[in-house]
Every structure is written in C-alpha cells, then in structure tokens.
Amino acid sequence: MNARFVAYRDALKLPKALVVHSARHAYVTHLTEDGVDRRFIQQQVGHENDSSTAIYTHVSDDFMNTMLHKALAPALAPTPSADKDR
C-alpha cells in the first residue's frame, strides 16, 4: 500500500512529507473540526490516552480562531452594570 501511495504521490508531484499515515491525521482533524466527541475520536483511532489523539490533530487557523472566540465571548461580553453606566 505504501509503495503504491508513494508512486501516486510522486507522479502527482505532491510533497514528500505526504505519507499514508497523513490520512490518519486528516481523519482525526476533520472529526475534531466537525465537533465530534473527543472520546469517540480517541476510540476510533485506538488511543489509550487523549493526549495521544491530540498529537494527531492539526486544526486550521480558522477553526482555532472560532474556538478561541467562543471560549472568550462570555468573558468579553458587556456586563449589565457596565451597560447602565453608559
């Protein structure tokens, strides 16, 4: 399987860093970005620890920014008392 993959990759002039194992990383990343439960993903790839699964996750900058915004939104929202002072 690897030899065939390498042959296709090279014929398409794709980066040498692209390996069969990249599909596993992409699978975990896409599931994460689609909001699939972390425990489910962990079980899908057969990891005992979530920290192992985290190594496989390479989310996009857009996803990171969206998640950061969601996490910080409650802290950055105006408080009712602050609205009265305006």
C-alpha atoms as a PDB file:
ATOM      1  CA  MET A   1       0.000   0.000   0.000  1.00  0.00           C
ATOM      2  CA  ASN A   2       2.775   2.416   0.903  1.00  0.00           C
ATOM      3  CA  ALA A   3       4.688   1.767  -2.338  1.00  0.00           C
ATOM      4  CA  ARG A   4       1.570   2.439  -4.422  1.00  0.00           C
ATOM      5  CA  PHE A   5       0.831   5.595  -2.416  1.00  0.00           C
ATOM      6  CA  VAL A   6       4.393   6.862  -2.917  1.00  0.00           C
ATOM      7  CA  ALA A   7       4.179   6.164  -6.652  1.00  0.00           C
ATOM      8  CA  TYR A   8       0.957   8.170  -6.983  1.00  0.00           C
ATOM      9  CA  ARG A   9       2.231  10.946  -4.727  1.00  0.00           C
ATOM     10  CA  ASP A  10       5.416  11.283  -6.740  1.00  0.00           C
ATOM     11  CA  ALA A  11       3.578  11.109 -10.085  1.00  0.00           C
ATOM     12  CA  LEU A  12       1.341  13.965  -8.911  1.00  0.00           C
ATOM     13  CA  LYS A  13       4.395  15.885  -7.649  1.00  0.00           C
ATOM     14  CA  LEU A  14       2.934  16.145  -4.154  1.00  0.00           C
ATOM     15  CA  PRO A  15       5.197  16.932  -1.187  1.00  0.00           C
ATOM     16  CA  LYS A  16       7.363  14.087   0.134  1.00  0.00           C
ATOM     17  CA  ALA A  17       6.001  14.875   3.608  1.00  0.00           C
ATOM     18  CA  LEU A  18       2.660  13.437   2.483  1.00  0.00           C
ATOM     19  CA  VAL A  19       2.622   9.810   3.619  1.00  0.00           C
ATOM     20  CA  VAL A  20      -0.062   7.147   4.086  1.00  0.00           C
ATOM     21  CA  HIS A  21      -0.150   7.985   7.784  1.00  0.00           C
ATOM     22  CA  SER A  22      -1.244  11.521   6.819  1.00  0.00           C
ATOM     23  CA  ALA A  23      -4.729  10.108   6.198  1.00  0.00           C
ATOM     24  CA  ARG A  24      -4.954   9.130   9.880  1.00  0.00           C
ATOM     25  CA  HIS A  25      -4.025  12.656  10.923  1.00  0.00           C
ATOM     26  CA  ALA A  26      -6.540  14.135   8.470  1.00  0.00           C
ATOM     27  CA  TYR A  27      -9.281  11.830   9.783  1.00  0.00           C
ATOM     28  CA  VAL A  28      -8.743  12.953  13.387  1.00  0.00           C
ATOM     29  CA  THR A  29      -8.507  16.596  12.365  1.00  0.00           C
ATOM     30  CA  HIS A  30     -11.709  16.540  10.301  1.00  0.00           C
ATOM     31  CA  LEU A  31     -13.635  14.793  13.068  1.00  0.00           C
ATOM     32  CA  THR A  32     -12.379  17.373  15.567  1.00  0.00           C
ATOM     33  CA  GLU A  33     -13.304  20.318  13.351  1.00  0.00           C
ATOM     34  CA  ASP A  34     -16.744  18.777  12.783  1.00  0.00           C
ATOM     35  CA  GLY A  35     -17.344  18.766  16.540  1.00  0.00           C
ATOM     36  CA  VAL A  36     -17.240  15.000  17.078  1.00  0.00           C
ATOM     37  CA  ASP A  37     -16.821  13.968  20.715  1.00  0.00           C
ATOM     38  CA  ARG A  38     -13.127  13.600  21.673  1.00  0.00           C
ATOM     39  CA  ARG A  39     -13.722  10.259  23.384  1.00  0.00           C
ATOM     40  CA  PHE A  40     -15.285   8.855  20.204  1.00  0.00           C
ATOM     41  CA  ILE A  41     -12.305  10.035  18.152  1.00  0.00           C
ATOM     42  CA  GLN A  42      -9.924   8.522  20.692  1.00  0.00           C
ATOM     43  CA  GLN A  43     -11.692   5.178  20.413  1.00  0.00           C
ATOM     44  CA  GLN A  44     -11.788   5.373  16.605  1.00  0.00           C
ATOM     45  CA  VAL A  45      -8.015   5.613  16.365  1.00  0.00           C
ATOM     46  CA  GLY A  46      -7.366   3.195  19.220  1.00  0.00           C
ATOM     47  CA  HIS A  47      -5.567   5.536  21.565  1.00  0.00           C
ATOM     48  CA  GLU A  48      -5.492   4.842  25.262  1.00  0.00           C
ATOM     49  CA  ASN A  49      -4.936   8.493  26.168  1.00  0.00           C
ATOM     50  CA  ASP A  50      -6.479  11.659  24.753  1.00  0.00           C
ATOM     51  CA  SER A  51      -3.026  13.258  24.750  1.00  0.00           C
ATOM     52  CA  SER A  52      -2.003  10.763  22.062  1.00  0.00           C
ATOM     53  CA  THR A  53      -5.029  11.721  19.991  1.00  0.00           C
ATOM     54  CA  ALA A  54      -4.217  15.412  20.388  1.00  0.00           C
ATOM     55  CA  ILE A  55      -0.880  14.843  18.630  1.00  0.00           C
ATOM     56  CA  TYR A  56      -2.827  13.739  15.545  1.00  0.00           C
ATOM     57  CA  THR A  57      -4.948  16.863  15.447  1.00  0.00           C
ATOM     58  CA  HIS A  58      -3.811  19.655  13.141  1.00  0.00           C
ATOM     59  CA  VAL A  59      -6.761  22.037  13.066  1.00  0.00           C
ATOM     60  CA  SER A  60      -6.858  25.073  10.801  1.00  0.00           C
ATOM     61  CA  ASP A  61      -6.187  28.621  11.953  1.00  0.00           C
ATOM     62  CA  ASP A  62      -9.808  29.468  11.156  1.00  0.00           C
ATOM     63  CA  PHE A  63     -11.019  26.680  13.454  1.00  0.00           C
ATOM     64  CA  MET A  64      -8.653  27.826  16.221  1.00  0.00           C
ATOM     65  CA  ASN A  65      -9.881  31.427  15.910  1.00  0.00           C
ATOM     66  CA  THR A  66     -13.523  30.334  16.009  1.00  0.00           C
ATOM     67  CA  MET A  67     -12.979  28.197  19.114  1.00  0.00           C
ATOM     68  CA  LEU A  68     -10.998  30.957  20.816  1.00  0.00           C
ATOM     69  CA  HIS A  69     -13.779  33.452  20.100  1.00  0.00           C
ATOM     70  CA  LYS A  70     -16.388  31.060  21.533  1.00  0.00           C
ATOM     71  CA  ALA A  71     -14.296  30.470  24.652  1.00  0.00           C
ATOM     72  CA  LEU A  72     -13.640  34.157  25.285  1.00  0.00           C
ATOM     73  CA  ALA A  73     -17.055  35.545  24.316  1.00  0.00           C
ATOM     74  CA  PRO A  74     -18.607  35.159  27.791  1.00  0.00           C
ATOM     75  CA  ALA A  75     -15.677  36.951  29.440  1.00  0.00           C
ATOM     76  CA  LEU A  76     -15.723  39.765  26.882  1.00  0.00           C
ATOM     77  CA  ALA A  77     -19.487  40.300  26.880  1.00  0.00           C
ATOM     78  CA  PRO A  78     -20.609  43.534  28.497  1.00  0.00           C
ATOM     79  CA  THR A  79     -21.966  43.130  31.986  1.00  0.00           C
ATOM     80  CA  PRO A  80     -25.407  44.549  32.830  1.00  0.00           C
ATOM     81  CA  SER A  81     -23.858  47.040  35.293  1.00  0.00           C
ATOM     82  CA  ALA A  82     -21.467  48.278  32.637  1.00  0.00           C
ATOM     83  CA  ASP A  83     -24.409  48.956  30.318  1.00  0.00           C
ATOM     84  CA  LYS A  84     -26.103  51.141  32.972  1.00  0.00           C
ATOM     85  CA  ASP A  85     -23.006  53.371  33.223  1.00  0.00           C
ATOM     86  CA  ARG A  86     -23.279  54.362  29.542  1.00  0.00           C
END
